[in-house]
Amino acid sequence: MTADRDRCVASGQCALIAPDVFDQREEDGLVVVLDHAPPPERHAEVEQAVHICPAQALALGTA
């Protein structure tokens, strides 16, 4: 799981959909990945968060 903060627009959709995997920085709202290798039971919500990200700042796998 990777997140590109340069692309992030701080919409927060990822943190709403998968709060155990994503959060937002307090100072600017940019994405923070809490779990770079979420367990299988989180995969569906992570995939949804990646798909819904308006800035396409999230990617499955590693950089």
Protein backbone atom coordinates (compact mmCIF):
# COMPACT_ATOMS: atom_id res chain seq x y z
CA MET A 1 0.00 0.00 0.00
CA THR A 2 1.45 3.35 -1.02
CA ALA A 3 0.22 6.93 -0.96
CA ASP A 4 1.58 9.84 -2.97
CA ARG A 5 1.21 12.95 -0.80
CA ASP A 6 2.22 15.15 -3.75
CA ARG A 7 -0.97 14.03 -5.51
CA CYS A 8 -3.21 13.94 -2.42
CA VAL A 9 -5.89 16.66 -2.30
CA ALA A 10 -6.91 15.93 1.32
CA SER A 11 -10.46 14.86 0.48
CA GLY A 12 -10.37 12.29 3.30
CA GLN A 13 -12.36 9.64 1.44
CA CYS A 14 -9.73 7.00 2.15
CA ALA A 15 -9.82 7.67 5.90
CA LEU A 16 -13.61 7.47 5.89
CA ILE A 17 -13.72 4.20 3.96
CA ALA A 18 -10.76 2.44 5.61
CA PRO A 19 -9.98 4.19 8.91
CA ASP A 20 -7.81 1.31 10.14
CA VAL A 21 -5.54 1.71 7.12
CA PHE A 22 -5.63 5.46 6.36
CA ASP A 23 -5.67 8.67 8.33
CA GLN A 24 -5.02 12.33 7.60
CA ARG A 25 -2.31 14.61 8.92
CA GLU A 26 -3.65 17.13 11.40
CA GLU A 27 -1.82 20.11 9.89
CA ASP A 28 -2.88 19.77 6.25
CA GLY A 29 -5.23 16.81 5.86
CA LEU A 30 -2.90 14.83 3.60
CA VAL A 31 -3.10 11.05 3.66
CA VAL A 32 -1.17 8.95 6.14
CA VAL A 33 -0.92 5.19 5.62
CA LEU A 34 -1.35 3.49 8.98
CA ASP A 35 -0.98 -0.06 7.68
CA HIS A 36 1.14 -0.69 4.58
CA ALA A 37 0.19 -4.38 4.54
CA PRO A 38 -3.42 -4.61 5.74
CA PRO A 39 -4.82 -8.04 6.56
CA PRO A 40 -7.08 -9.84 4.06
CA GLU A 41 -10.24 -8.80 5.89
CA ARG A 42 -9.41 -5.15 5.05
CA HIS A 43 -8.67 -5.69 1.34
CA ALA A 44 -12.16 -4.86 0.07
CA GLU A 45 -12.31 -1.51 1.85
CA VAL A 46 -8.74 -0.69 0.81
CA GLU A 47 -9.56 -1.43 -2.83
CA GLN A 48 -12.63 0.79 -2.54
CA ALA A 49 -10.53 3.61 -1.06
CA VAL A 50 -7.96 3.30 -3.87
CA HIS A 51 -10.73 3.37 -6.48
CA ILE A 52 -12.59 6.35 -4.98
CA CYS A 53 -9.55 8.58 -4.36
CA PRO A 54 -10.23 11.70 -6.47
CA ALA A 55 -6.51 12.42 -6.90
CA GLN A 56 -5.54 8.79 -7.62
CA ALA A 57 -2.93 9.18 -4.88
CA LEU A 58 -3.24 5.62 -3.57
CA ALA A 59 -1.84 2.40 -5.00
CA LEU A 60 -1.98 -1.23 -4.03
CA GLY A 61 1.39 -2.90 -3.63
CA THR A 62 4.65 -1.16 -2.84
CA ALA A 63 6.56 1.61 -4.51
